[in-house]
Amino acid sequence: MYMSEEMECRMCGACCIYISISSALPNMPEGKPAGVRCLNLNEDNLCSVYKNRPEVCAAYTPTREICGNSFKEAKANITLLEHKTT
């Protein structure tokens, strides 16, 4: 497991797909369940509302522990955490 150090976001979109969000998001007033792609992600997995994104999204800090070294690792880590916290 990685040390919990902050990292530069690689903009893979894993957090925008695999993390559940219970607060309202643009185009998703009820939030989104884990594993559901945020409607604000474009084809390149970039946030189309990034400059005006909600606080819940702005507050997310990527770390090596969660994001790993790839989209695949981020998906696995986030999915495991979501499973453990449901």
PDB file of N, CA and C in Angstrom:
ATOM      1  N   MET A   1       0.856  -1.183   0.000  1.00  0.00           N
ATOM      2  CA  MET A   1       0.000   0.000   0.000  1.00  0.00           C
ATOM      3  C   MET A   1       0.891   1.232   0.000  1.00  0.00           C
ATOM      4  N   TYR A   2       0.416   2.281  -0.597  1.00  0.00           N
ATOM      5  CA  TYR A   2       1.180   3.522  -0.720  1.00  0.00           C
ATOM      6  C   TYR A   2       1.045   4.369   0.532  1.00  0.00           C
ATOM      7  N   MET A   3       2.032   5.223   0.769  1.00  0.00           N
ATOM      8  CA  MET A   3       1.899   6.214   1.828  1.00  0.00           C
ATOM      9  C   MET A   3       0.841   7.208   1.364  1.00  0.00           C
ATOM     10  N   SER A   4       0.148   7.808   2.289  1.00  0.00           N
ATOM     11  CA  SER A   4      -0.923   8.733   1.944  1.00  0.00           C
ATOM     12  C   SER A   4      -0.354  10.114   1.619  1.00  0.00           C
ATOM     13  N   GLU A   5       0.325  10.201   0.498  1.00  0.00           N
ATOM     14  CA  GLU A   5       0.901  11.471   0.088  1.00  0.00           C
ATOM     15  C   GLU A   5       0.081  12.065  -1.044  1.00  0.00           C
ATOM     16  N   GLU A   6      -0.081  13.388  -0.983  1.00  0.00           N
ATOM     17  CA  GLU A   6      -0.810  14.055  -2.057  1.00  0.00           C
ATOM     18  C   GLU A   6      -0.031  13.904  -3.352  1.00  0.00           C
ATOM     19  N   MET A   7      -0.745  13.966  -4.442  1.00  0.00           N
ATOM     20  CA  MET A   7      -0.115  13.834  -5.748  1.00  0.00           C
ATOM     21  C   MET A   7      -0.803  14.756  -6.739  1.00  0.00           C
ATOM     22  N   GLU A   8      -0.155  14.991  -7.838  1.00  0.00           N
ATOM     23  CA  GLU A   8      -0.750  15.748  -8.929  1.00  0.00           C
ATOM     24  C   GLU A   8      -1.818  14.868  -9.576  1.00  0.00           C
ATOM     25  N   CYS A   9      -3.000  15.404  -9.778  1.00  0.00           N
ATOM     26  CA  CYS A   9      -4.063  14.639 -10.420  1.00  0.00           C
ATOM     27  C   CYS A   9      -3.667  14.306 -11.856  1.00  0.00           C
ATOM     28  N   ARG A  10      -3.841  13.037 -12.237  1.00  0.00           N
ATOM     29  CA  ARG A  10      -3.516  12.642 -13.608  1.00  0.00           C
ATOM     30  C   ARG A  10      -4.743  12.722 -14.514  1.00  0.00           C
ATOM     31  N   MET A  11      -5.851  13.204 -13.968  1.00  0.00           N
ATOM     32  CA  MET A  11      -7.091  13.445 -14.714  1.00  0.00           C
ATOM     33  C   MET A  11      -7.593  12.193 -15.429  1.00  0.00           C
ATOM     34  N   CYS A  12      -7.619  11.084 -14.700  1.00  0.00           N
ATOM     35  CA  CYS A  12      -8.081   9.826 -15.286  1.00  0.00           C
ATOM     36  C   CYS A  12      -9.597   9.659 -15.185  1.00  0.00           C
ATOM     37  N   GLY A  13     -10.234  10.394 -14.265  1.00  0.00           N
ATOM     38  CA  GLY A  13     -11.681  10.321 -14.115  1.00  0.00           C
ATOM     39  C   GLY A  13     -12.172   9.223 -13.185  1.00  0.00           C
ATOM     40  N   ALA A  14     -11.276   8.435 -12.609  1.00  0.00           N
ATOM     41  CA  ALA A  14     -11.720   7.335 -11.741  1.00  0.00           C
ATOM     42  C   ALA A  14     -12.563   7.831 -10.571  1.00  0.00           C
ATOM     43  N   CYS A  15     -12.157   8.940  -9.967  1.00  0.00           N
ATOM     44  CA  CYS A  15     -12.922   9.461  -8.825  1.00  0.00           C
ATOM     45  C   CYS A  15     -14.310   9.932  -9.257  1.00  0.00           C
ATOM     46  N   CYS A  16     -14.447  10.341 -10.504  1.00  0.00           N
ATOM     47  CA  CYS A  16     -15.727  10.834 -11.032  1.00  0.00           C
ATOM     48  C   CYS A  16     -16.638   9.697 -11.479  1.00  0.00           C
ATOM     49  N   ILE A  17     -16.130   8.498 -11.400  1.00  0.00           N
ATOM     50  CA  ILE A  17     -16.925   7.324 -11.782  1.00  0.00           C
ATOM     51  C   ILE A  17     -17.176   6.426 -10.566  1.00  0.00           C
ATOM     52  N   TYR A  18     -16.150   6.115  -9.806  1.00  0.00           N
ATOM     53  CA  TYR A  18     -16.255   5.060  -8.795  1.00  0.00           C
ATOM     54  C   TYR A  18     -16.569   5.523  -7.386  1.00  0.00           C
ATOM     55  N   ILE A  19     -16.458   6.832  -7.109  1.00  0.00           N
ATOM     56  CA  ILE A  19     -16.822   7.343  -5.788  1.00  0.00           C
ATOM     57  C   ILE A  19     -18.303   7.702  -5.788  1.00  0.00           C
ATOM     58  N   SER A  20     -19.010   7.311  -4.722  1.00  0.00           N
ATOM     59  CA  SER A  20     -20.408   7.722  -4.587  1.00  0.00           C
ATOM     60  C   SER A  20     -20.435   9.150  -4.036  1.00  0.00           C
ATOM     61  N   ILE A  21     -21.361   9.932  -4.532  1.00  0.00           N
ATOM     62  CA  ILE A  21     -21.513  11.314  -4.081  1.00  0.00           C
ATOM     63  C   ILE A  21     -22.979  11.522  -3.735  1.00  0.00           C
ATOM     64  N   SER A  22     -23.255  11.871  -2.482  1.00  0.00           N
ATOM     65  CA  SER A  22     -24.644  12.010  -2.042  1.00  0.00           C
ATOM     66  C   SER A  22     -25.171  13.427  -2.222  1.00  0.00           C
ATOM     67  N   SER A  23     -24.294  14.402  -2.427  1.00  0.00           N
ATOM     68  CA  SER A  23     -24.768  15.774  -2.622  1.00  0.00           C
ATOM     69  C   SER A  23     -25.056  16.038  -4.097  1.00  0.00           C
ATOM     70  N   ALA A  24     -25.816  17.081  -4.344  1.00  0.00           N
ATOM     71  CA  ALA A  24     -26.200  17.432  -5.712  1.00  0.00           C
ATOM     72  C   ALA A  24     -24.989  17.825  -6.549  1.00  0.00           C
ATOM     73  N   LEU A  25     -25.021  17.416  -7.799  1.00  0.00           N
ATOM     74  CA  LEU A  25     -24.004  17.772  -8.779  1.00  0.00           C
ATOM     75  C   LEU A  25     -24.710  18.423  -9.959  1.00  0.00           C
ATOM     76  N   PRO A  26     -24.013  19.250 -10.737  1.00  0.00           N
ATOM     77  CA  PRO A  26     -24.651  19.762 -11.946  1.00  0.00           C
ATOM     78  C   PRO A  26     -25.114  18.580 -12.815  1.00  0.00           C
ATOM     79  N   ASN A  27     -26.319  18.645 -13.297  1.00  0.00           N
ATOM     80  CA  ASN A  27     -26.934  17.593 -14.129  1.00  0.00           C
ATOM     81  C   ASN A  27     -27.248  16.307 -13.370  1.00  0.00           C
ATOM     82  N   MET A  28     -26.956  16.270 -12.081  1.00  0.00           N
ATOM     83  CA  MET A  28     -27.242  15.095 -11.251  1.00  0.00           C
ATOM     84  C   MET A  28     -27.699  15.583  -9.873  1.00  0.00           C
ATOM     85  N   PRO A  29     -28.912  16.105  -9.774  1.00  0.00           N
ATOM     86  CA  PRO A  29     -29.369  16.725  -8.528  1.00  0.00           C
ATOM     87  C   PRO A  29     -29.456  15.777  -7.329  1.00  0.00           C
ATOM     88  N   GLU A  30     -29.508  14.492  -7.582  1.00  0.00           N
ATOM     89  CA  GLU A  30     -29.571  13.507  -6.492  1.00  0.00           C
ATOM     90  C   GLU A  30     -28.197  12.940  -6.155  1.00  0.00           C
ATOM     91  N   GLY A  31     -27.148  13.491  -6.744  1.00  0.00           N
ATOM     92  CA  GLY A  31     -25.817  12.923  -6.571  1.00  0.00           C
ATOM     93  C   GLY A  31     -25.632  11.743  -7.510  1.00  0.00           C
ATOM     94  N   LYS A  32     -24.690  10.863  -7.174  1.00  0.00           N
ATOM     95  CA  LYS A  32     -24.463   9.693  -8.027  1.00  0.00           C
ATOM     96  C   LYS A  32     -23.966   8.524  -7.208  1.00  0.00           C
ATOM     97  N   PRO A  33     -24.410   7.323  -7.541  1.00  0.00           N
ATOM     98  CA  PRO A  33     -23.899   6.139  -6.852  1.00  0.00           C
ATOM     99  C   PRO A  33     -22.503   5.763  -7.347  1.00  0.00           C
ATOM    100  N   ALA A  34     -21.817   5.002  -6.556  1.00  0.00           N
ATOM    101  CA  ALA A  34     -20.501   4.486  -6.948  1.00  0.00           C
ATOM    102  C   ALA A  34     -20.640   3.660  -8.212  1.00  0.00           C
ATOM    103  N   GLY A  35     -19.702   3.817  -9.113  1.00  0.00           N
ATOM    104  CA  GLY A  35     -19.705   3.042 -10.340  1.00  0.00           C
ATOM    105  C   GLY A  35     -20.492   3.671 -11.476  1.00  0.00           C
ATOM    106  N   VAL A  36     -21.131   4.796 -11.212  1.00  0.00           N
ATOM    107  CA  VAL A  36     -21.888   5.508 -12.242  1.00  0.00           C
ATOM    108  C   VAL A  36     -21.061   6.692 -12.713  1.00  0.00           C
ATOM    109  N   ARG A  37     -20.857   6.769 -13.993  1.00  0.00           N
ATOM    110  CA  ARG A  37     -20.078   7.854 -14.578  1.00  0.00           C
ATOM    111  C   ARG A  37     -20.790   9.188 -14.372  1.00  0.00           C
ATOM    112  N   CYS A  38     -20.075  10.178 -13.861  1.00  0.00           N
ATOM    113  CA  CYS A  38     -20.644  11.506 -13.691  1.00  0.00           C
ATOM    114  C   CYS A  38     -21.027  12.057 -15.065  1.00  0.00           C
ATOM    115  N   LEU A  39     -22.205  12.634 -15.149  1.00  0.00           N
ATOM    116  CA  LEU A  39     -22.687  13.178 -16.413  1.00  0.00           C
ATOM    117  C   LEU A  39     -21.882  14.393 -16.875  1.00  0.00           C
ATOM    118  N   ASN A  40     -21.044  14.927 -15.996  1.00  0.00           N
ATOM    119  CA  ASN A  40     -20.239  16.094 -16.332  1.00  0.00           C
ATOM    120  C   ASN A  40     -18.870  15.742 -16.900  1.00  0.00           C
ATOM    121  N   LEU A  41     -18.572  14.455 -17.030  1.00  0.00           N
ATOM    122  CA  LEU A  41     -17.308  14.036 -17.639  1.00  0.00           C
ATOM    123  C   LEU A  41     -17.464  14.047 -19.159  1.00  0.00           C
ATOM    124  N   ASN A  42     -16.466  14.596 -19.835  1.00  0.00           N
ATOM    125  CA  ASN A  42     -16.511  14.549 -21.295  1.00  0.00           C
ATOM    126  C   ASN A  42     -15.863  13.252 -21.783  1.00  0.00           C
ATOM    127  N   GLU A  43     -15.741  13.084 -23.081  1.00  0.00           N
ATOM    128  CA  GLU A  43     -15.189  11.845 -23.655  1.00  0.00           C
ATOM    129  C   GLU A  43     -13.750  11.572 -23.220  1.00  0.00           C
ATOM    130  N   ASP A  44     -13.020  12.629 -22.865  1.00  0.00           N
ATOM    131  CA  ASP A  44     -11.623  12.481 -22.428  1.00  0.00           C
ATOM    132  C   ASP A  44     -11.502  12.335 -20.918  1.00  0.00           C
ATOM    133  N   ASN A  45     -12.608  12.087 -20.225  1.00  0.00           N
ATOM    134  CA  ASN A  45     -12.659  11.982 -18.764  1.00  0.00           C
ATOM    135  C   ASN A  45     -12.254  13.271 -18.074  1.00  0.00           C
ATOM    136  N   LEU A  46     -12.498  14.397 -18.710  1.00  0.00           N
ATOM    137  CA  LEU A  46     -12.252  15.698 -18.098  1.00  0.00           C
ATOM    138  C   LEU A  46     -13.590  16.295 -17.684  1.00  0.00           C
ATOM    139  N   CYS A  47     -13.581  17.025 -16.589  1.00  0.00           N
ATOM    140  CA  CYS A  47     -14.810  17.611 -16.056  1.00  0.00           C
ATOM    141  C   CYS A  47     -15.230  18.813 -16.885  1.00  0.00           C
ATOM    142  N   SER A  48     -16.450  18.767 -17.378  1.00  0.00           N
ATOM    143  CA  SER A  48     -16.951  19.873 -18.203  1.00  0.00           C
ATOM    144  C   SER A  48     -17.392  21.071 -17.365  1.00  0.00           C
ATOM    145  N   VAL A  49     -17.496  20.914 -16.054  1.00  0.00           N
ATOM    146  CA  VAL A  49     -17.879  22.017 -15.163  1.00  0.00           C
ATOM    147  C   VAL A  49     -16.764  22.321 -14.163  1.00  0.00           C
ATOM    148  N   TYR A  50     -15.535  21.961 -14.512  1.00  0.00           N
ATOM    149  CA  TYR A  50     -14.411  22.052 -13.577  1.00  0.00           C
ATOM    150  C   TYR A  50     -14.292  23.416 -12.904  1.00  0.00           C
ATOM    151  N   LYS A  51     -14.388  24.495 -13.656  1.00  0.00           N
ATOM    152  CA  LYS A  51     -14.231  25.837 -13.068  1.00  0.00           C
ATOM    153  C   LYS A  51     -15.334  26.159 -12.076  1.00  0.00           C
ATOM    154  N   ASN A  52     -16.486  25.525 -12.208  1.00  0.00           N
ATOM    155  CA  ASN A  52     -17.631  25.761 -11.316  1.00  0.00           C
ATOM    156  C   ASN A  52     -18.072  24.484 -10.620  1.00  0.00           C
ATOM    157  N   ARG A  53     -17.149  23.550 -10.441  1.00  0.00           N
ATOM    158  CA  ARG A  53     -17.512  22.263  -9.842  1.00  0.00           C
ATOM    159  C   ARG A  53     -17.948  22.434  -8.391  1.00  0.00           C
ATOM    160  N   PRO A  54     -18.785  21.536  -7.897  1.00  0.00           N
ATOM    161  CA  PRO A  54     -19.267  21.624  -6.519  1.00  0.00           C
ATOM    162  C   PRO A  54     -18.134  21.458  -5.506  1.00  0.00           C
ATOM    163  N   GLU A  55     -18.366  21.925  -4.311  1.00  0.00           N
ATOM    164  CA  GLU A  55     -17.367  21.855  -3.237  1.00  0.00           C
ATOM    165  C   GLU A  55     -16.931  20.414  -2.966  1.00  0.00           C
ATOM    166  N   VAL A  56     -17.859  19.470  -3.026  1.00  0.00           N
ATOM    167  CA  VAL A  56     -17.509  18.075  -2.766  1.00  0.00           C
ATOM    168  C   VAL A  56     -16.427  17.596  -3.745  1.00  0.00           C
ATOM    169  N   CYS A  57     -16.494  18.048  -4.965  1.00  0.00           N
ATOM    170  CA  CYS A  57     -15.490  17.680  -5.964  1.00  0.00           C
ATOM    171  C   CYS A  57     -14.196  18.482  -5.768  1.00  0.00           C
ATOM    172  N   ALA A  58     -14.343  19.771  -5.500  1.00  0.00           N
ATOM    173  CA  ALA A  58     -13.171  20.630  -5.312  1.00  0.00           C
ATOM    174  C   ALA A  58     -12.361  20.202  -4.094  1.00  0.00           C
ATOM    175  N   ALA A  59     -13.023  19.646  -3.094  1.00  0.00           N
ATOM    176  CA  ALA A  59     -12.344  19.255  -1.856  1.00  0.00           C
ATOM    177  C   ALA A  59     -11.585  17.933  -1.979  1.00  0.00           C
ATOM    178  N   TYR A  60     -11.861  17.170  -3.014  1.00  0.00           N
ATOM    179  CA  TYR A  60     -11.178  15.882  -3.174  1.00  0.00           C
ATOM    180  C   TYR A  60      -9.697  16.115  -3.481  1.00  0.00           C
ATOM    181  N   THR A  61      -8.838  15.460  -2.716  1.00  0.00           N
ATOM    182  CA  THR A  61      -7.402  15.569  -2.919  1.00  0.00           C
ATOM    183  C   THR A  61      -6.867  14.210  -3.346  1.00  0.00           C
ATOM    184  N   PRO A  62      -6.318  14.108  -4.541  1.00  0.00           N
ATOM    185  CA  PRO A  62      -5.753  12.829  -4.961  1.00  0.00           C
ATOM    186  C   PRO A  62      -4.536  12.454  -4.115  1.00  0.00           C
ATOM    187  N   THR A  63      -4.478  11.195  -3.730  1.00  0.00           N
ATOM    188  CA  THR A  63      -3.332  10.670  -2.986  1.00  0.00           C
ATOM    189  C   THR A  63      -2.874   9.377  -3.645  1.00  0.00           C
ATOM    190  N   ARG A  64      -1.616   9.047  -3.448  1.00  0.00           N
ATOM    191  CA  ARG A  64      -1.080   7.787  -3.984  1.00  0.00           C
ATOM    192  C   ARG A  64      -1.836   6.594  -3.403  1.00  0.00           C
ATOM    193  N   GLU A  65      -2.230   6.695  -2.142  1.00  0.00           N
ATOM    194  CA  GLU A  65      -2.928   5.584  -1.485  1.00  0.00           C
ATOM    195  C   GLU A  65      -4.242   5.250  -2.192  1.00  0.00           C
ATOM    196  N   ILE A  66      -4.966   6.262  -2.630  1.00  0.00           N
ATOM    197  CA  ILE A  66      -6.252   6.046  -3.294  1.00  0.00           C
ATOM    198  C   ILE A  66      -6.072   5.895  -4.798  1.00  0.00           C
ATOM    199  N   CYS A  67      -5.328   6.787  -5.408  1.00  0.00           N
ATOM    200  CA  CYS A  67      -5.232   6.839  -6.870  1.00  0.00           C
ATOM    201  C   CYS A  67      -4.220   5.858  -7.452  1.00  0.00           C
ATOM    202  N   GLY A  68      -3.289   5.392  -6.643  1.00  0.00           N
ATOM    203  CA  GLY A  68      -2.287   4.460  -7.143  1.00  0.00           C
ATOM    204  C   GLY A  68      -1.479   5.065  -8.280  1.00  0.00           C
ATOM    205  N   ASN A  69      -1.085   4.226  -9.207  1.00  0.00           N
ATOM    206  CA  ASN A  69      -0.252   4.652 -10.324  1.00  0.00           C
ATOM    207  C   ASN A  69      -0.968   4.605 -11.670  1.00  0.00           C
ATOM    208  N   SER A  70      -2.266   4.257 -11.647  1.00  0.00           N
ATOM    209  CA  SER A  70      -2.992   4.126 -12.909  1.00  0.00           C
ATOM    210  C   SER A  70      -4.492   4.200 -12.650  1.00  0.00           C
ATOM    211  N   PHE A  71      -5.244   4.355 -13.719  1.00  0.00           N
ATOM    212  CA  PHE A  71      -6.700   4.326 -13.636  1.00  0.00           C
ATOM    213  C   PHE A  71      -7.148   2.983 -13.035  1.00  0.00           C
ATOM    214  N   LYS A  72      -6.542   1.901 -13.481  1.00  0.00           N
ATOM    215  CA  LYS A  72      -6.911   0.567 -13.008  1.00  0.00           C
ATOM    216  C   LYS A  72      -6.711   0.442 -11.488  1.00  0.00           C
ATOM    217  N   GLU A  73      -5.594   0.952 -10.985  1.00  0.00           N
ATOM    218  CA  GLU A  73      -5.345   0.904  -9.536  1.00  0.00           C
ATOM    219  C   GLU A  73      -6.330   1.806  -8.797  1.00  0.00           C
ATOM    220  N   ALA A  74      -6.602   2.985  -9.335  1.00  0.00           N
ATOM    221  CA  ALA A  74      -7.559   3.894  -8.694  1.00  0.00           C
ATOM    222  C   ALA A  74      -8.933   3.237  -8.624  1.00  0.00           C
ATOM    223  N   LYS A  75      -9.359   2.635  -9.713  1.00  0.00           N
ATOM    224  CA  LYS A  75     -10.653   1.944  -9.743  1.00  0.00           C
ATOM    225  C   LYS A  75     -10.708   0.870  -8.654  1.00  0.00           C
ATOM    226  N   ALA A  76      -9.682   0.050  -8.563  1.00  0.00           N
ATOM    227  CA  ALA A  76      -9.657  -1.030  -7.572  1.00  0.00           C
ATOM    228  C   ALA A  76      -9.668  -0.475  -6.148  1.00  0.00           C
ATOM    229  N   ASN A  77      -8.850   0.528  -5.876  1.00  0.00           N
ATOM    230  CA  ASN A  77      -8.768   1.099  -4.527  1.00  0.00           C
ATOM    231  C   ASN A  77     -10.069   1.778  -4.121  1.00  0.00           C
ATOM    232  N   ILE A  78     -10.637   2.574  -5.022  1.00  0.00           N
ATOM    233  CA  ILE A  78     -11.874   3.283  -4.713  1.00  0.00           C
ATOM    234  C   ILE A  78     -13.025   2.289  -4.551  1.00  0.00           C
ATOM    235  N   THR A  79     -13.096   1.299  -5.413  1.00  0.00           N
ATOM    236  CA  THR A  79     -14.159   0.292  -5.321  1.00  0.00           C
ATOM    237  C   THR A  79     -14.077  -0.463  -4.001  1.00  0.00           C
ATOM    238  N   LEU A  80     -12.872  -0.816  -3.576  1.00  0.00           N
ATOM    239  CA  LEU A  80     -12.688  -1.497  -2.293  1.00  0.00           C
ATOM    240  C   LEU A  80     -13.149  -0.610  -1.139  1.00  0.00           C
ATOM    241  N   LEU A  81     -12.757   0.651  -1.150  1.00  0.00           N
ATOM    242  CA  LEU A  81     -13.173   1.566  -0.085  1.00  0.00           C
ATOM    243  C   LEU A  81     -14.685   1.778  -0.071  1.00  0.00           C
ATOM    244  N   GLU A  82     -15.281   1.906  -1.238  1.00  0.00           N
ATOM    245  CA  GLU A  82     -16.734   2.053  -1.319  1.00  0.00           C
ATOM    246  C   GLU A  82     -17.429   0.809  -0.741  1.00  0.00           C
ATOM    247  N   HIS A  83     -16.910  -0.352  -1.093  1.00  0.00           N
ATOM    248  CA  HIS A  83     -17.486  -1.607  -0.588  1.00  0.00           C
ATOM    249  C   HIS A  83     -17.376  -1.693   0.938  1.00  0.00           C
ATOM    250  N   LYS A  84     -16.221  -1.292   1.478  1.00  0.00           N
ATOM    251  CA  LYS A  84     -16.002  -1.365   2.925  1.00  0.00           C
ATOM    252  C   LYS A  84     -16.828  -0.350   3.707  1.00  0.00           C
ATOM    253  N   THR A  85     -17.253   0.724   3.040  1.00  0.00           N
ATOM    254  CA  THR A  85     -17.968   1.782   3.758  1.00  0.00           C
ATOM    255  C   THR A  85     -19.475   1.798   3.490  1.00  0.00           C
ATOM    256  N   THR A  86     -19.990   0.790   2.770  1.00  0.00           N
ATOM    257  CA  THR A  86     -21.438   0.751   2.532  1.00  0.00           C
ATOM    258  C   THR A  86     -22.146   0.014   3.613  1.00  0.00           C
TER     259      THR A  86
END
